[in-house]
C-alpha atoms as a PDB file:
ATOM      1  CA  UNK A   1       0.000   0.000   0.000  1.00  0.00           C
ATOM      2  CA  UNK A   2       1.507   3.328  -1.066  1.00  0.00           C
ATOM      3  CA  UNK A   3       1.440   6.240   1.367  1.00  0.00           C
ATOM      4  CA  UNK A   4       2.381   9.732   0.135  1.00  0.00           C
ATOM      5  CA  UNK A   5       3.276  12.413   2.693  1.00  0.00           C
ATOM      6  CA  UNK A   6       4.863  15.813   2.115  1.00  0.00           C
ATOM      7  CA  UNK A   7       7.940  16.508   4.221  1.00  0.00           C
ATOM      8  CA  UNK A   8       9.934  19.708   4.480  1.00  0.00           C
ATOM      9  CA  UNK A   9      13.647  18.746   4.625  1.00  0.00           C
ATOM     10  CA  UNK A  10      16.327  16.048   4.993  1.00  0.00           C
ATOM     11  CA  UNK A  11      15.224  12.547   5.836  1.00  0.00           C
ATOM     12  CA  UNK A  12      18.317  11.431   7.689  1.00  0.00           C
ATOM     13  CA  UNK A  13      16.508  11.205  11.018  1.00  0.00           C
ATOM     14  CA  UNK A  14      13.418   9.542   9.580  1.00  0.00           C
ATOM     15  CA  UNK A  15      15.494   7.091   7.568  1.00  0.00           C
ATOM     16  CA  UNK A  16      17.258   5.896  10.684  1.00  0.00           C
ATOM     17  CA  UNK A  17      14.173   5.730  12.892  1.00  0.00           C
ATOM     18  CA  UNK A  18      11.124   5.004  10.733  1.00  0.00           C
ATOM     19  CA  UNK A  19       9.995   2.022  12.808  1.00  0.00           C
ATOM     20  CA  UNK A  20      11.980   1.670  15.983  1.00  0.00           C
ATOM     21  CA  UNK A  21      11.791   3.015  19.543  1.00  0.00           C
ATOM     22  CA  UNK A  22      13.550   2.436  22.836  1.00  0.00           C
ATOM     23  CA  UNK A  23      16.214  -0.223  23.277  1.00  0.00           C
ATOM     24  CA  UNK A  24      15.744  -0.237  27.073  1.00  0.00           C
ATOM     25  CA  UNK A  25      14.119  -3.478  28.248  1.00  0.00           C
ATOM     26  CA  UNK A  26      13.559  -2.048  31.742  1.00  0.00           C
ATOM     27  CA  UNK A  27      11.544   0.851  30.342  1.00  0.00           C
ATOM     28  CA  UNK A  28       9.376  -1.551  28.369  1.00  0.00           C
ATOM     29  CA  UNK A  29       8.819  -3.857  31.327  1.00  0.00           C
ATOM     30  CA  UNK A  30       7.906  -0.912  33.565  1.00  0.00           C
ATOM     31  CA  UNK A  31       5.230   0.137  31.084  1.00  0.00           C
ATOM     32  CA  UNK A  32       3.561  -3.283  31.085  1.00  0.00           C
ATOM     33  CA  UNK A  33       1.968  -2.592  34.481  1.00  0.00           C
ATOM     34  CA  UNK A  34       0.352   0.671  33.423  1.00  0.00           C
ATOM     35  CA  UNK A  35      -2.982   1.522  31.838  1.00  0.00           C
ATOM     36  CA  UNK A  36      -2.813   2.449  28.154  1.00  0.00           C
ATOM     37  CA  UNK A  37      -4.626   5.610  27.088  1.00  0.00           C
ATOM     38  CA  UNK A  38      -5.295   5.617  23.343  1.00  0.00           C
ATOM     39  CA  UNK A  39      -5.464   9.154  21.973  1.00  0.00           C
ATOM     40  CA  UNK A  40      -8.138   9.731  19.323  1.00  0.00           C
ATOM     41  CA  UNK A  41      -8.691  12.767  17.121  1.00  0.00           C
ATOM     42  CA  UNK A  42     -12.083  13.195  18.758  1.00  0.00           C
ATOM     43  CA  UNK A  43     -14.308  13.718  15.761  1.00  0.00           C
ATOM     44  CA  UNK A  44     -15.689  10.203  15.325  1.00  0.00           C
ATOM     45  CA  UNK A  45     -13.522   9.983  12.232  1.00  0.00           C
ATOM     46  CA  UNK A  46     -12.731   6.854  10.198  1.00  0.00           C
ATOM     47  CA  UNK A  47      -9.204   7.079  11.634  1.00  0.00           C
ATOM     48  CA  UNK A  48     -10.592   7.033  15.190  1.00  0.00           C
ATOM     49  CA  UNK A  49     -12.807   4.051  14.409  1.00  0.00           C
ATOM     50  CA  UNK A  50      -9.928   2.137  12.808  1.00  0.00           C
ATOM     51  CA  UNK A  51      -7.628   2.755  15.765  1.00  0.00           C
ATOM     52  CA  UNK A  52     -10.327   1.868  18.292  1.00  0.00           C
ATOM     53  CA  UNK A  53     -11.155  -1.350  16.447  1.00  0.00           C
ATOM     54  CA  UNK A  54      -7.477  -2.308  16.193  1.00  0.00           C
ATOM     55  CA  UNK A  55      -6.832  -1.702  19.885  1.00  0.00           C
ATOM     56  CA  UNK A  56      -9.979  -3.536  21.000  1.00  0.00           C
ATOM     57  CA  UNK A  57      -9.050  -6.531  18.872  1.00  0.00           C
ATOM     58  CA  UNK A  58      -5.292  -6.708  19.384  1.00  0.00           C
ATOM     59  CA  UNK A  59      -3.945  -4.646  22.309  1.00  0.00           C
ATOM     60  CA  UNK A  60      -2.270  -6.951  24.841  1.00  0.00           C
ATOM     61  CA  UNK A  61       0.836  -5.045  25.915  1.00  0.00           C
ATOM     62  CA  UNK A  62      -0.910  -3.731  29.029  1.00  0.00           C
ATOM     63  CA  UNK A  63      -3.780  -5.309  30.913  1.00  0.00           C
ATOM     64  CA  UNK A  64      -6.063  -2.290  30.673  1.00  0.00           C
ATOM     65  CA  UNK A  65      -6.721   0.486  28.165  1.00  0.00           C
ATOM     66  CA  UNK A  66      -9.079   3.399  27.686  1.00  0.00           C
ATOM     67  CA  UNK A  67      -9.741   6.006  25.014  1.00  0.00           C
ATOM     68  CA  UNK A  68      -9.258   9.751  25.294  1.00  0.00           C
ATOM     69  CA  UNK A  69      -9.119  12.555  22.738  1.00  0.00           C
ATOM     70  CA  UNK A  70      -6.273  14.806  21.755  1.00  0.00           C
ATOM     71  CA  UNK A  71      -8.143  17.668  23.455  1.00  0.00           C
ATOM     72  CA  UNK A  72      -7.896  15.769  26.745  1.00  0.00           C
ATOM     73  CA  UNK A  73      -4.114  16.040  26.525  1.00  0.00           C
ATOM     74  CA  UNK A  74      -4.485  19.801  26.881  1.00  0.00           C
ATOM     75  CA  UNK A  75      -6.732  19.625  29.936  1.00  0.00           C
ATOM     76  CA  UNK A  76      -5.186  16.858  32.025  1.00  0.00           C
ATOM     77  CA  UNK A  77      -1.521  16.241  32.856  1.00  0.00           C
ATOM     78  CA  UNK A  78       0.214  13.124  31.665  1.00  0.00           C
ATOM     79  CA  UNK A  79       0.458  10.332  34.220  1.00  0.00           C
ATOM     80  CA  UNK A  80       3.525   8.290  35.128  1.00  0.00           C
ATOM     81  CA  UNK A  81       1.122   5.415  35.684  1.00  0.00           C
ATOM     82  CA  UNK A  82      -0.117   5.491  32.100  1.00  0.00           C
ATOM     83  CA  UNK A  83       1.190   4.536  28.697  1.00  0.00           C
ATOM     84  CA  UNK A  84      -0.127   6.408  25.671  1.00  0.00           C
ATOM     85  CA  UNK A  85      -0.766   5.439  22.066  1.00  0.00           C
ATOM     86  CA  UNK A  86      -0.699   8.672  20.113  1.00  0.00           C
ATOM     87  CA  UNK A  87       0.297  10.351  16.899  1.00  0.00           C
ATOM     88  CA  UNK A  88       3.627  12.142  16.960  1.00  0.00           C
ATOM     89  CA  UNK A  89       4.871  14.699  14.481  1.00  0.00           C
ATOM     90  CA  UNK A  90       8.641  14.381  14.567  1.00  0.00           C
ATOM     91  CA  UNK A  91      10.907  16.980  12.988  1.00  0.00           C
ATOM     92  CA  UNK A  92      14.652  16.798  12.525  1.00  0.00           C
ATOM     93  CA  UNK A  93      16.981  19.829  12.890  1.00  0.00           C
ATOM     94  CA  UNK A  94      16.604  20.636   9.189  1.00  0.00           C
ATOM     95  CA  UNK A  95      12.813  20.959   9.528  1.00  0.00           C
ATOM     96  CA  UNK A  96      11.799  17.695   7.894  1.00  0.00           C
ATOM     97  CA  UNK A  97       8.807  16.003   9.471  1.00  0.00           C
ATOM     98  CA  UNK A  98       6.704  12.862   9.503  1.00  0.00           C
ATOM     99  CA  UNK A  99       3.690  11.436  11.336  1.00  0.00           C
ATOM    100  CA  UNK A 100       4.256   8.399  13.558  1.00  0.00           C
ATOM    101  CA  UNK A 101       1.949   6.124  15.499  1.00  0.00           C
ATOM    102  CA  UNK A 102       3.777   5.768  18.796  1.00  0.00           C
ATOM    103  CA  UNK A 103       3.661   4.099  22.185  1.00  0.00           C
ATOM    104  CA  UNK A 104       4.737   6.691  24.746  1.00  0.00           C
ATOM    105  CA  UNK A 105       5.544   6.220  28.435  1.00  0.00           C
ATOM    106  CA  UNK A 106       3.856   8.843  30.606  1.00  0.00           C
ATOM    107  CA  UNK A 107       5.979  11.113  32.793  1.00  0.00           C
ATOM    108  CA  UNK A 108       5.528  13.748  35.480  1.00  0.00           C
ATOM    109  CA  UNK A 109       5.411  16.996  33.617  1.00  0.00           C
ATOM    110  CA  UNK A 110       7.247  19.996  34.974  1.00  0.00           C
ATOM    111  CA  UNK A 111       5.460  23.186  35.930  1.00  0.00           C
ATOM    112  CA  UNK A 112       4.249  24.971  32.789  1.00  0.00           C
ATOM    113  CA  UNK A 113       5.347  22.042  30.635  1.00  0.00           C
ATOM    114  CA  UNK A 114       2.612  21.525  28.052  1.00  0.00           C
ATOM    115  CA  UNK A 115       2.257  19.251  25.079  1.00  0.00           C
ATOM    116  CA  UNK A 116       2.265  20.971  21.701  1.00  0.00           C
ATOM    117  CA  UNK A 117      -0.255  19.599  19.213  1.00  0.00           C
ATOM    118  CA  UNK A 118      -0.285  20.239  15.469  1.00  0.00           C
ATOM    119  CA  UNK A 119      -2.859  18.532  13.279  1.00  0.00           C
ATOM    120  CA  UNK A 120      -3.828  16.133  16.082  1.00  0.00           C
ATOM    121  CA  UNK A 121      -0.198  15.014  16.478  1.00  0.00           C
ATOM    122  CA  UNK A 122       2.084  15.872  19.419  1.00  0.00           C
ATOM    123  CA  UNK A 123       5.368  17.537  18.490  1.00  0.00           C
ATOM    124  CA  UNK A 124       7.344  17.689  21.751  1.00  0.00           C
ATOM    125  CA  UNK A 125       7.371  14.259  23.401  1.00  0.00           C
ATOM    126  CA  UNK A 126      10.872  13.702  24.835  1.00  0.00           C
ATOM    127  CA  UNK A 127      12.741  11.040  22.897  1.00  0.00           C
ATOM    128  CA  UNK A 128      13.414   9.024  26.043  1.00  0.00           C
ATOM    129  CA  UNK A 129       9.649   8.579  26.614  1.00  0.00           C
ATOM    130  CA  UNK A 130       9.041   7.038  23.191  1.00  0.00           C
ATOM    131  CA  UNK A 131       8.847   3.257  23.514  1.00  0.00           C
ATOM    132  CA  UNK A 132       7.980   2.320  19.925  1.00  0.00           C
ATOM    133  CA  UNK A 133       6.847   4.108  16.794  1.00  0.00           C
ATOM    134  CA  UNK A 134       6.181   3.617  13.108  1.00  0.00           C
ATOM    135  CA  UNK A 135       5.982   6.136  10.277  1.00  0.00           C
ATOM    136  CA  UNK A 136       2.573   6.272   8.594  1.00  0.00           C
ATOM    137  CA  UNK A 137       0.041   8.635   6.971  1.00  0.00           C
ATOM    138  CA  UNK A 138      -3.393   8.474   8.629  1.00  0.00           C
ATOM    139  CA  UNK A 139      -5.175  10.625   6.041  1.00  0.00           C
ATOM    140  CA  UNK A 140      -4.036   8.354   3.244  1.00  0.00           C
ATOM    141  CA  UNK A 141      -5.291   5.273   5.055  1.00  0.00           C
ATOM    142  CA  UNK A 142      -8.746   6.833   5.135  1.00  0.00           C
ATOM    143  CA  UNK A 143      -8.669   8.177   1.575  1.00  0.00           C
ATOM    144  CA  UNK A 144      -7.744   4.790   0.077  1.00  0.00           C
ATOM    145  CA  UNK A 145     -10.002   2.609   2.243  1.00  0.00           C
ATOM    146  CA  UNK A 146      -6.926   1.041   3.835  1.00  0.00           C
ATOM    147  CA  UNK A 147      -7.682   1.714   7.479  1.00  0.00           C
ATOM    148  CA  UNK A 148      -7.295  -2.034   8.060  1.00  0.00           C
ATOM    149  CA  UNK A 149      -3.545  -1.369   8.129  1.00  0.00           C
ATOM    150  CA  UNK A 150      -4.041   0.106  11.599  1.00  0.00           C
ATOM    151  CA  UNK A 151      -4.292  -3.511  12.778  1.00  0.00           C
ATOM    152  CA  UNK A 152      -0.808  -4.199  11.402  1.00  0.00           C
ATOM    153  CA  UNK A 153       0.672  -1.111  13.001  1.00  0.00           C
ATOM    154  CA  UNK A 154      -0.832  -1.883  16.421  1.00  0.00           C
ATOM    155  CA  UNK A 155       0.446  -5.468  16.213  1.00  0.00           C
ATOM    156  CA  UNK A 156       3.866  -4.381  14.956  1.00  0.00           C
ATOM    157  CA  UNK A 157       4.395  -1.898  17.803  1.00  0.00           C
ATOM    158  CA  UNK A 158       3.689  -4.616  20.352  1.00  0.00           C
ATOM    159  CA  UNK A 159       5.965  -7.055  18.550  1.00  0.00           C
ATOM    160  CA  UNK A 160       8.767  -4.505  18.725  1.00  0.00           C
ATOM    161  CA  UNK A 161       8.196  -4.018  22.455  1.00  0.00           C
ATOM    162  CA  UNK A 162       8.222  -7.775  23.007  1.00  0.00           C
ATOM    163  CA  UNK A 163      11.546  -8.102  21.186  1.00  0.00           C
ATOM    164  CA  UNK A 164      13.076  -5.331  23.312  1.00  0.00           C
ATOM    165  CA  UNK A 165      11.709  -6.849  26.523  1.00  0.00           C
ATOM    166  CA  UNK A 166      13.195 -10.241  25.627  1.00  0.00           C
ATOM    167  CA  UNK A 167      16.574  -8.679  24.895  1.00  0.00           C
ATOM    168  CA  UNK A 168      16.520  -9.666  21.235  1.00  0.00           C
ATOM    169  CA  UNK A 169      16.604  -6.005  20.200  1.00  0.00           C
ATOM    170  CA  UNK A 170      19.266  -4.031  22.071  1.00  0.00           C
ATOM    171  CA  UNK A 171      20.209  -1.423  19.462  1.00  0.00           C
ATOM    172  CA  UNK A 172      19.551  -0.583  15.827  1.00  0.00           C
ATOM    173  CA  UNK A 173      21.975  -3.276  14.648  1.00  0.00           C
ATOM    174  CA  UNK A 174      20.143  -6.073  16.462  1.00  0.00           C
ATOM    175  CA  UNK A 175      16.804  -4.649  15.303  1.00  0.00           C
ATOM    176  CA  UNK A 176      17.896  -4.691  11.673  1.00  0.00           C
ATOM    177  CA  UNK A 177      19.338  -8.180  12.088  1.00  0.00           C
ATOM    178  CA  UNK A 178      16.043  -9.403  13.545  1.00  0.00           C
ATOM    179  CA  UNK A 179      14.031  -8.083  10.621  1.00  0.00           C
ATOM    180  CA  UNK A 180      16.541  -9.379   8.077  1.00  0.00           C
ATOM    181  CA  UNK A 181      16.167 -12.786   9.698  1.00  0.00           C
ATOM    182  CA  UNK A 182      12.490 -12.749   8.790  1.00  0.00           C
ATOM    183  CA  UNK A 183      13.154 -12.440   5.041  1.00  0.00           C
ATOM    184  CA  UNK A 184      13.541 -16.205   4.610  1.00  0.00           C
ATOM    185  CA  UNK A 185      10.312 -17.112   6.509  1.00  0.00           C
ATOM    186  CA  UNK A 186       8.572 -14.511   4.330  1.00  0.00           C
ATOM    187  CA  UNK A 187       9.843 -16.157   1.156  1.00  0.00           C
ATOM    188  CA  UNK A 188       9.260 -19.742   2.262  1.00  0.00           C
ATOM    189  CA  UNK A 189       6.035 -19.476   4.235  1.00  0.00           C
ATOM    190  CA  UNK A 190       3.956 -16.557   2.974  1.00  0.00           C
ATOM    191  CA  UNK A 191       2.458 -15.398  -0.290  1.00  0.00           C
ATOM    192  CA  UNK A 192       3.532 -11.836  -1.010  1.00  0.00           C
ATOM    193  CA  UNK A 193       0.716  -9.456  -1.924  1.00  0.00           C
ATOM    194  CA  UNK A 194       1.641  -6.048  -3.302  1.00  0.00           C
ATOM    195  CA  UNK A 195      -0.712  -3.167  -3.876  1.00  0.00           C
ATOM    196  CA  UNK A 196      -1.022  -1.682  -7.338  1.00  0.00           C
ATOM    197  CA  UNK A 197       1.518   1.131  -7.410  1.00  0.00           C
ATOM    198  CA  UNK A 198       3.807  -0.338  -4.766  1.00  0.00           C
ATOM    199  CA  UNK A 199       6.093  -1.657  -7.479  1.00  0.00           C
ATOM    200  CA  UNK A 200       8.517   0.892  -8.902  1.00  0.00           C
ATOM    201  CA  UNK A 201       7.827   1.839 -12.514  1.00  0.00           C
ATOM    202  CA  UNK A 202      10.910  -0.164 -13.503  1.00  0.00           C
ATOM    203  CA  UNK A 203       8.711  -3.199 -12.714  1.00  0.00           C
ATOM    204  CA  UNK A 204       5.560  -2.302 -14.653  1.00  0.00           C
ATOM    205  CA  UNK A 205       3.526  -5.406 -13.794  1.00  0.00           C
ATOM    206  CA  UNK A 206       3.428  -8.644 -11.869  1.00  0.00           C
ATOM    207  CA  UNK A 207       5.100 -10.519 -14.723  1.00  0.00           C
ATOM    208  CA  UNK A 208       8.141  -8.236 -14.552  1.00  0.00           C
ATOM    209  CA  UNK A 209       8.347  -8.739 -10.790  1.00  0.00           C
ATOM    210  CA  UNK A 210       8.086 -12.517 -11.090  1.00  0.00           C
ATOM    211  CA  UNK A 211      11.232 -12.504 -13.210  1.00  0.00           C
ATOM    212  CA  UNK A 212      13.062 -11.691  -9.961  1.00  0.00           C
ATOM    213  CA  UNK A 213      10.798 -13.371  -7.391  1.00  0.00           C
ATOM    214  CA  UNK A 214       9.769 -16.946  -8.086  1.00  0.00           C
ATOM    215  CA  UNK A 215       7.688 -17.631  -4.971  1.00  0.00           C
ATOM    216  CA  UNK A 216       4.040 -16.860  -4.256  1.00  0.00           C
ATOM    217  CA  UNK A 217       3.263 -13.341  -5.476  1.00  0.00           C
ATOM    218  CA  UNK A 218       0.197 -11.309  -6.442  1.00  0.00           C
ATOM    219  CA  UNK A 219      -0.552  -7.682  -7.314  1.00  0.00           C
ATOM    220  CA  UNK A 220      -3.952  -6.343  -6.292  1.00  0.00           C
ATOM    221  CA  UNK A 221      -5.710  -3.183  -5.159  1.00  0.00           C
ATOM    222  CA  UNK A 222      -4.728  -1.265  -2.033  1.00  0.00           C
ATOM    223  CA  UNK A 223      -8.224  -1.804  -0.658  1.00  0.00           C
ATOM    224  CA  UNK A 224      -7.805  -5.574  -0.958  1.00  0.00           C
ATOM    225  CA  UNK A 225      -4.605  -5.364   1.076  1.00  0.00           C
ATOM    226  CA  UNK A 226      -6.401  -3.232   3.646  1.00  0.00           C
ATOM    227  CA  UNK A 227      -9.128  -5.848   3.939  1.00  0.00           C
ATOM    228  CA  UNK A 228      -6.542  -8.619   4.380  1.00  0.00           C
ATOM    229  CA  UNK A 229      -4.881  -6.572   7.130  1.00  0.00           C
ATOM    230  CA  UNK A 230      -8.218  -6.041   8.866  1.00  0.00           C
ATOM    231  CA  UNK A 231      -9.033  -9.754   8.614  1.00  0.00           C
ATOM    232  CA  UNK A 232      -5.561 -10.816   9.761  1.00  0.00           C
ATOM    233  CA  UNK A 233      -5.387 -13.169   6.812  1.00  0.00           C
ATOM    234  CA  UNK A 234      -3.124 -16.140   7.436  1.00  0.00           C
ATOM    235  CA  UNK A 235      -0.405 -17.175   5.003  1.00  0.00           C
ATOM    236  CA  UNK A 236      -0.100 -13.735   3.430  1.00  0.00           C
ATOM    237  CA  UNK A 237       2.385 -10.861   3.623  1.00  0.00           C
ATOM    238  CA  UNK A 238       1.420  -7.313   2.631  1.00  0.00           C
ATOM    239  CA  UNK A 239       3.481  -4.531   1.065  1.00  0.00           C
ATOM    240  CA  UNK A 240       3.504  -1.039   2.538  1.00  0.00           C
ATOM    241  CA  UNK A 241       5.242   1.860   0.764  1.00  0.00           C
ATOM    242  CA  UNK A 242       5.676   5.314   2.287  1.00  0.00           C
ATOM    243  CA  UNK A 243       6.878   8.122   0.024  1.00  0.00           C
ATOM    244  CA  UNK A 244       8.022  11.366   1.605  1.00  0.00           C
ATOM    245  CA  UNK A 245       9.248  14.687   0.249  1.00  0.00           C
ATOM    246  CA  UNK A 246       9.013  16.200  -3.222  1.00  0.00           C
ATOM    247  CA  UNK A 247      10.789  15.368  -6.463  1.00  0.00           C
ATOM    248  CA  UNK A 248      14.072  16.947  -5.298  1.00  0.00           C
ATOM    249  CA  UNK A 249      14.316  15.181  -1.938  1.00  0.00           C
ATOM    250  CA  UNK A 250      11.815  12.344  -2.096  1.00  0.00           C
ATOM    251  CA  UNK A 251      12.501   9.246  -0.008  1.00  0.00           C
ATOM    252  CA  UNK A 252      10.924   5.811  -0.201  1.00  0.00           C
ATOM    253  CA  UNK A 253      10.292   3.554   2.787  1.00  0.00           C
ATOM    254  CA  UNK A 254       9.371  -0.044   1.923  1.00  0.00           C
ATOM    255  CA  UNK A 255       7.971  -2.519   4.415  1.00  0.00           C
ATOM    256  CA  UNK A 256       6.379  -5.977   4.254  1.00  0.00           C
ATOM    257  CA  UNK A 257       4.189  -7.155   7.143  1.00  0.00           C
ATOM    258  CA  UNK A 258       2.800 -10.549   8.044  1.00  0.00           C
ATOM    259  CA  UNK A 259      -0.934  -9.934   7.580  1.00  0.00           C
ATOM    260  CA  UNK A 260      -1.842 -12.250  10.449  1.00  0.00           C
ATOM    261  CA  UNK A 261       0.732 -11.396  13.131  1.00  0.00           C
ATOM    262  CA  UNK A 262       1.704  -7.853  12.116  1.00  0.00           C
ATOM    263  CA  UNK A 263       5.386  -8.808  12.260  1.00  0.00           C
ATOM    264  CA  UNK A 264       7.687  -6.694  10.122  1.00  0.00           C
ATOM    265  CA  UNK A 265       9.209  -9.164   7.639  1.00  0.00           C
ATOM    266  CA  UNK A 266      11.188  -6.853   5.350  1.00  0.00           C
ATOM    267  CA  UNK A 267      12.249  -3.229   5.361  1.00  0.00           C
ATOM    268  CA  UNK A 268      14.352  -0.971   3.148  1.00  0.00           C
ATOM    269  CA  UNK A 269      14.563   2.730   2.411  1.00  0.00           C
ATOM    270  CA  UNK A 270      16.396   4.900  -0.063  1.00  0.00           C
ATOM    271  CA  UNK A 271      16.319   8.213  -1.872  1.00  0.00           C
ATOM    272  CA  UNK A 272      13.684   8.387  -4.598  1.00  0.00           C
ATOM    273  CA  UNK A 273      14.815  11.453  -6.504  1.00  0.00           C
ATOM    274  CA  UNK A 274      13.290  12.813  -9.694  1.00  0.00           C
ATOM    275  CA  UNK A 275      10.688  10.090 -10.050  1.00  0.00           C
ATOM    276  CA  UNK A 276      13.056   7.152  -9.640  1.00  0.00           C
ATOM    277  CA  UNK A 277      12.957   4.297  -7.112  1.00  0.00           C
ATOM    278  CA  UNK A 278       9.414   5.089  -5.955  1.00  0.00           C
ATOM    279  CA  UNK A 279       8.508   1.605  -4.791  1.00  0.00           C
ATOM    280  CA  UNK A 280       9.763  -1.939  -4.600  1.00  0.00           C
ATOM    281  CA  UNK A 281      12.689  -2.557  -6.952  1.00  0.00           C
ATOM    282  CA  UNK A 282      14.106  -5.744  -8.400  1.00  0.00           C
ATOM    283  CA  UNK A 283      16.815  -5.455  -5.707  1.00  0.00           C
ATOM    284  CA  UNK A 284      14.157  -5.730  -2.976  1.00  0.00           C
ATOM    285  CA  UNK A 285      12.636  -8.819  -4.527  1.00  0.00           C
ATOM    286  CA  UNK A 286      16.065 -10.379  -5.052  1.00  0.00           C
ATOM    287  CA  UNK A 287      16.956  -9.726  -1.417  1.00  0.00           C
ATOM    288  CA  UNK A 288      13.911 -11.695  -0.270  1.00  0.00           C
ATOM    289  CA  UNK A 289      14.442 -14.360  -2.930  1.00  0.00           C
ATOM    290  CA  UNK A 290      18.067 -14.948  -1.861  1.00  0.00           C
ATOM    291  CA  UNK A 291      17.524 -14.728   1.904  1.00  0.00           C
ATOM    292  CA  UNK A 292      19.313 -17.420   3.927  1.00  0.00           C
END
C-alpha cells in the first residue's frame, strides 16, 4: 500500500528511525503494568474508528486500556502510571517532518510544561519517553479505504516491544538483524501481496516482478490489502510503501508485514529522486528471494 506524505527537509533522522523506539528493556517492562490511554482525534472519524477497532481486537501489551481525545491532553496532565498510544509529528533539525503512530511512556510533567499539538499530532514528546513508533500517513489510510492497516501497526508496535523486553533487540543493529532474519520465513512461508503502485515503474507489472521473485506473489488493489490486514489473513504478507518529500528530496520507505501477526518481515529505504525508485525494486525482490 503506497502512502504519500509531504515533508519539508532532509530525511536522515526519519530514515534511521522510521519504525523503531527504545532499546531499554527495563523501560518496556515498567510500562507493562500501566494503563494504556489511546489518543483519538475526537471527531468520530474513520481514523478514530480504525484505531479503536485495532486496539480492542489486538492490544495486549498492558492489561487495561481506555480512550481519550487529543483535546484531553491539553486539559489533564500526563500520568507516570499510564502509557499512551498517540500520533507524533517528529521533525529533525533541518525541519523535515513525519507522522508516527507511537507508544509513549507517561511522565511527570514539569510546571508549565505543556504538550504541543499540530494537526492532532504531538510535536514535543521527549525522545526518552518514546517506547515504539512507526511512520505512517493516517489521512491516506482513510482516503484509500486502507484503514485495516491500523491492525498491522498496532500489532507491529507490540511485537517490537516484546523483542526489546526479551533482549533480542538491544540497538539498531540487532533490530535490523532481527528483521533481516524474517526475510527467509517470508519467502518460504507466505504469499507476497503487493498493492497496485507499490512496485517501482521499472517493474511495470506482476510478470516483470516474477522474473526476480519466483515464490508466491500477487498484485492487487490497495483496498484488498487493507481488507486482508483487517481480517488478519493467514499465510499472506502485505506490502507497505511510504513516500516522503518532493521530487528533489523524495525518499521511499518499503515494508512488508505478516498480515496475520503484524510482524515486520522486510524493510528498506532509499532516496527516490526525480521520479526514480518510488517503490519496490528488483533489488528488494532479489533480497527476499536470496535470503538465507
